[in-house]
Amino acid sequence: MMPKYNYFCKVCSKKFVMRHSITEKLKKHPDCAKEDCNIERVPISSRVIKKDKKKSDGDVVKKFIEDTKKEIAEEKKELKKEFKQ
């Protein structure tokens, strides 16, 4: 599948999207009737994911392990109570 590129035609003031190879250079807006078409490629905005600087991945894993250990200890206590009865 070819990559998708956004363009803007300065002659007819329309935005359009074209799929073509990276090496191909688009020179004319396909819907513009003017012979002397002036187009420019418009950068696609990308999403920026901000990472919480206060918590590292290791901190999240440690917290999960601690919580799981507590849950297991509580579950053991409950099972012992049921077993004794």
N, C-alpha and C. Protein backbone atom coordinates (compact mmCIF):
# COMPACT_ATOMS: atom_id res chain seq x y z
N MET A 1 0.85 -1.18 0.00
CA MET A 1 0.00 0.00 0.00
C MET A 1 0.89 1.24 0.00
N MET A 2 0.54 2.17 -0.79
CA MET A 2 1.30 3.41 -0.91
C MET A 2 0.97 4.35 0.25
N PRO A 3 1.96 5.14 0.68
CA PRO A 3 1.68 6.11 1.74
C PRO A 3 0.76 7.23 1.27
N LYS A 4 0.06 7.82 2.21
CA LYS A 4 -0.90 8.89 1.92
C LYS A 4 -0.26 10.23 2.26
N TYR A 5 -0.42 11.21 1.36
CA TYR A 5 0.14 12.55 1.56
C TYR A 5 -0.96 13.60 1.43
N ASN A 6 -0.89 14.62 2.27
CA ASN A 6 -1.83 15.75 2.21
C ASN A 6 -1.20 16.87 1.41
N TYR A 7 -2.01 17.49 0.56
CA TYR A 7 -1.55 18.60 -0.28
C TYR A 7 -2.52 19.76 -0.20
N PHE A 8 -2.03 20.94 -0.58
CA PHE A 8 -2.85 22.13 -0.69
C PHE A 8 -2.54 22.79 -2.02
N CYS A 9 -3.59 23.09 -2.80
CA CYS A 9 -3.42 23.77 -4.09
C CYS A 9 -3.60 25.27 -3.86
N LYS A 10 -2.57 26.02 -4.14
CA LYS A 10 -2.61 27.47 -3.93
C LYS A 10 -3.44 28.18 -4.99
N VAL A 11 -3.66 27.54 -6.13
CA VAL A 11 -4.44 28.16 -7.21
C VAL A 11 -5.94 28.08 -6.91
N CYS A 12 -6.43 26.87 -6.59
CA CYS A 12 -7.87 26.72 -6.34
C CYS A 12 -8.20 26.69 -4.84
N SER A 13 -7.20 26.80 -3.97
CA SER A 13 -7.36 26.83 -2.50
C SER A 13 -8.08 25.61 -1.94
N LYS A 14 -7.76 24.44 -2.47
CA LYS A 14 -8.37 23.20 -1.99
C LYS A 14 -7.32 22.28 -1.41
N LYS A 15 -7.72 21.57 -0.36
CA LYS A 15 -6.87 20.53 0.22
C LYS A 15 -7.26 19.21 -0.42
N PHE A 16 -6.27 18.34 -0.62
CA PHE A 16 -6.56 17.03 -1.17
C PHE A 16 -5.52 16.03 -0.68
N VAL A 17 -5.87 14.76 -0.80
CA VAL A 17 -5.01 13.68 -0.34
C VAL A 17 -4.69 12.78 -1.53
N MET A 18 -3.43 12.41 -1.64
CA MET A 18 -3.00 11.52 -2.72
C MET A 18 -2.15 10.40 -2.15
N ARG A 19 -2.26 9.23 -2.75
CA ARG A 19 -1.39 8.11 -2.41
C ARG A 19 -0.39 7.94 -3.53
N HIS A 20 0.87 7.90 -3.17
CA HIS A 20 1.92 7.64 -4.16
C HIS A 20 3.18 7.21 -3.45
N SER A 21 4.17 6.76 -4.22
CA SER A 21 5.41 6.30 -3.61
C SER A 21 6.19 7.49 -3.05
N ILE A 22 7.14 7.19 -2.20
CA ILE A 22 7.94 8.24 -1.57
C ILE A 22 8.76 9.00 -2.61
N THR A 23 9.25 8.30 -3.60
CA THR A 23 10.11 8.92 -4.60
C THR A 23 9.35 9.77 -5.62
N GLU A 24 8.07 9.52 -5.75
CA GLU A 24 7.27 10.27 -6.73
C GLU A 24 7.00 11.69 -6.22
N LYS A 25 7.14 12.67 -7.10
CA LYS A 25 6.88 14.08 -6.76
C LYS A 25 5.61 14.52 -7.50
N LEU A 26 4.61 14.92 -6.76
CA LEU A 26 3.36 15.39 -7.35
C LEU A 26 3.54 16.84 -7.78
N LYS A 27 3.15 17.15 -9.01
CA LYS A 27 3.37 18.50 -9.54
C LYS A 27 2.07 19.24 -9.83
N LYS A 28 0.96 18.51 -9.90
CA LYS A 28 -0.30 19.16 -10.27
C LYS A 28 -1.46 18.57 -9.48
N HIS A 29 -2.38 19.43 -9.08
CA HIS A 29 -3.61 19.02 -8.43
C HIS A 29 -4.48 18.35 -9.50
N PRO A 30 -4.89 17.11 -9.30
CA PRO A 30 -5.64 16.40 -10.34
C PRO A 30 -7.00 17.03 -10.67
N ASP A 31 -7.62 17.75 -9.74
CA ASP A 31 -8.94 18.34 -10.00
C ASP A 31 -8.87 19.80 -10.45
N CYS A 32 -7.68 20.39 -10.43
CA CYS A 32 -7.54 21.79 -10.79
C CYS A 32 -7.46 21.93 -12.32
N ALA A 33 -8.25 22.83 -12.86
CA ALA A 33 -8.29 23.02 -14.31
C ALA A 33 -7.13 23.88 -14.82
N LYS A 34 -6.49 24.59 -13.92
CA LYS A 34 -5.40 25.48 -14.33
C LYS A 34 -4.17 24.67 -14.73
N GLU A 35 -3.50 25.13 -15.74
CA GLU A 35 -2.30 24.46 -16.22
C GLU A 35 -1.11 24.74 -15.31
N ASP A 36 -1.03 25.97 -14.79
CA ASP A 36 0.08 26.38 -13.94
C ASP A 36 -0.32 26.20 -12.47
N CYS A 37 -0.38 24.97 -12.02
CA CYS A 37 -0.85 24.65 -10.67
C CYS A 37 0.31 24.74 -9.69
N ASN A 38 0.05 25.35 -8.53
CA ASN A 38 1.07 25.49 -7.50
C ASN A 38 0.60 24.75 -6.26
N ILE A 39 1.18 23.57 -5.99
CA ILE A 39 0.77 22.78 -4.83
C ILE A 39 1.92 22.67 -3.85
N GLU A 40 1.54 22.44 -2.61
CA GLU A 40 2.55 22.19 -1.58
C GLU A 40 2.09 21.05 -0.69
N ARG A 41 3.02 20.27 -0.24
CA ARG A 41 2.69 19.16 0.65
C ARG A 41 2.52 19.71 2.07
N VAL A 42 1.44 19.30 2.71
CA VAL A 42 1.11 19.76 4.06
C VAL A 42 1.51 18.65 5.03
N PRO A 43 2.32 18.99 6.03
CA PRO A 43 2.72 17.96 7.00
C PRO A 43 1.51 17.41 7.76
N ILE A 44 1.54 16.12 7.99
CA ILE A 44 0.49 15.48 8.76
C ILE A 44 0.84 15.63 10.24
N SER A 45 -0.10 16.11 11.01
CA SER A 45 0.17 16.29 12.44
C SER A 45 0.28 14.92 13.10
N SER A 46 1.20 14.81 14.00
CA SER A 46 1.38 13.55 14.71
C SER A 46 0.98 13.73 16.16
N ARG A 47 0.61 12.63 16.77
CA ARG A 47 0.24 12.67 18.18
C ARG A 47 1.48 12.61 19.04
N VAL A 48 1.48 13.39 20.07
CA VAL A 48 2.58 13.39 21.02
C VAL A 48 2.07 12.78 22.32
N ILE A 49 2.74 11.74 22.75
CA ILE A 49 2.34 11.07 23.98
C ILE A 49 3.32 11.50 25.06
N LYS A 50 2.80 12.17 26.06
CA LYS A 50 3.65 12.62 27.15
C LYS A 50 3.67 11.56 28.24
N LYS A 51 4.87 11.26 28.66
CA LYS A 51 5.04 10.27 29.70
C LYS A 51 5.10 10.96 31.06
N ASP A 52 4.43 10.37 32.03
CA ASP A 52 4.45 10.92 33.37
C ASP A 52 5.86 10.75 33.93
N LYS A 53 6.53 11.87 34.17
CA LYS A 53 7.92 11.82 34.62
C LYS A 53 8.05 11.36 36.06
N LYS A 54 6.98 11.43 36.82
CA LYS A 54 7.04 11.06 38.22
C LYS A 54 7.11 9.54 38.40
N LYS A 55 6.50 8.80 37.47
CA LYS A 55 6.47 7.35 37.59
C LYS A 55 7.26 6.73 36.44
N SER A 56 8.17 5.85 36.80
CA SER A 56 8.90 5.12 35.77
C SER A 56 8.19 3.78 35.56
N ASP A 57 8.56 3.07 34.52
CA ASP A 57 7.95 1.77 34.27
C ASP A 57 8.23 0.81 35.43
N GLY A 58 9.45 0.91 35.95
CA GLY A 58 9.81 0.05 37.08
C GLY A 58 8.95 0.31 38.31
N ASP A 59 8.61 1.59 38.55
CA ASP A 59 7.76 1.93 39.69
C ASP A 59 6.36 1.34 39.53
N VAL A 60 5.85 1.38 38.32
CA VAL A 60 4.52 0.83 38.05
C VAL A 60 4.52 -0.67 38.28
N VAL A 61 5.57 -1.35 37.80
CA VAL A 61 5.66 -2.80 37.97
C VAL A 61 5.79 -3.16 39.45
N LYS A 62 6.63 -2.43 40.18
CA LYS A 62 6.80 -2.70 41.61
C LYS A 62 5.48 -2.53 42.36
N LYS A 63 4.73 -1.49 42.04
CA LYS A 63 3.44 -1.23 42.68
C LYS A 63 2.47 -2.39 42.39
N PHE A 64 2.46 -2.85 41.15
CA PHE A 64 1.58 -3.96 40.77
C PHE A 64 1.95 -5.22 41.55
N ILE A 65 3.24 -5.50 41.66
CA ILE A 65 3.70 -6.69 42.39
C ILE A 65 3.31 -6.59 43.87
N GLU A 66 3.51 -5.44 44.48
CA GLU A 66 3.14 -5.25 45.89
C GLU A 66 1.64 -5.46 46.10
N ASP A 67 0.83 -4.86 45.22
CA ASP A 67 -0.62 -5.01 45.33
C ASP A 67 -1.03 -6.47 45.17
N THR A 68 -0.40 -7.17 44.24
CA THR A 68 -0.73 -8.57 44.01
C THR A 68 -0.35 -9.43 45.21
N LYS A 69 0.81 -9.15 45.82
CA LYS A 69 1.22 -9.89 47.01
C LYS A 69 0.21 -9.71 48.14
N LYS A 70 -0.29 -8.48 48.32
CA LYS A 70 -1.29 -8.21 49.35
C LYS A 70 -2.57 -8.99 49.08
N GLU A 71 -2.99 -9.00 47.83
CA GLU A 71 -4.22 -9.73 47.47
C GLU A 71 -4.06 -11.22 47.73
N ILE A 72 -2.88 -11.77 47.41
CA ILE A 72 -2.63 -13.19 47.63
C ILE A 72 -2.64 -13.50 49.12
N ALA A 73 -2.02 -12.64 49.93
CA ALA A 73 -2.00 -12.85 51.38
C ALA A 73 -3.42 -12.84 51.95
N GLU A 74 -4.24 -11.91 51.49
CA GLU A 74 -5.64 -11.84 51.96
C GLU A 74 -6.41 -13.09 51.53
N GLU A 75 -6.17 -13.53 50.31
CA GLU A 75 -6.86 -14.71 49.80
C GLU A 75 -6.46 -15.95 50.61
N LYS A 76 -5.18 -16.05 50.98
CA LYS A 76 -4.71 -17.17 51.80
C LYS A 76 -5.42 -17.19 53.15
N LYS A 77 -5.56 -16.00 53.76
CA LYS A 77 -6.24 -15.91 55.06
C LYS A 77 -7.68 -16.40 54.94
N GLU A 78 -8.36 -15.98 53.89
CA GLU A 78 -9.76 -16.39 53.67
C GLU A 78 -9.86 -17.91 53.47
N LEU A 79 -8.92 -18.48 52.70
CA LEU A 79 -8.96 -19.92 52.46
C LEU A 79 -8.68 -20.71 53.73
N LYS A 80 -7.76 -20.20 54.58
CA LYS A 80 -7.49 -20.87 55.85
C LYS A 80 -8.72 -20.88 56.73
N LYS A 81 -9.44 -19.76 56.76
CA LYS A 81 -10.67 -19.68 57.57
C LYS A 81 -11.69 -20.69 57.08
N GLU A 82 -11.86 -20.79 55.78
CA GLU A 82 -12.83 -21.74 55.20
C GLU A 82 -12.40 -23.18 55.48
N PHE A 83 -11.11 -23.45 55.44
CA PHE A 83 -10.60 -24.81 55.62
C PHE A 83 -10.79 -25.28 57.07
N LYS A 84 -10.60 -24.37 58.03
CA LYS A 84 -10.75 -24.71 59.45
C LYS A 84 -12.18 -25.04 59.81
N GLN A 85 -13.12 -24.48 59.10
CA GLN A 85 -14.54 -24.70 59.46
C GLN A 85 -15.02 -26.00 59.01
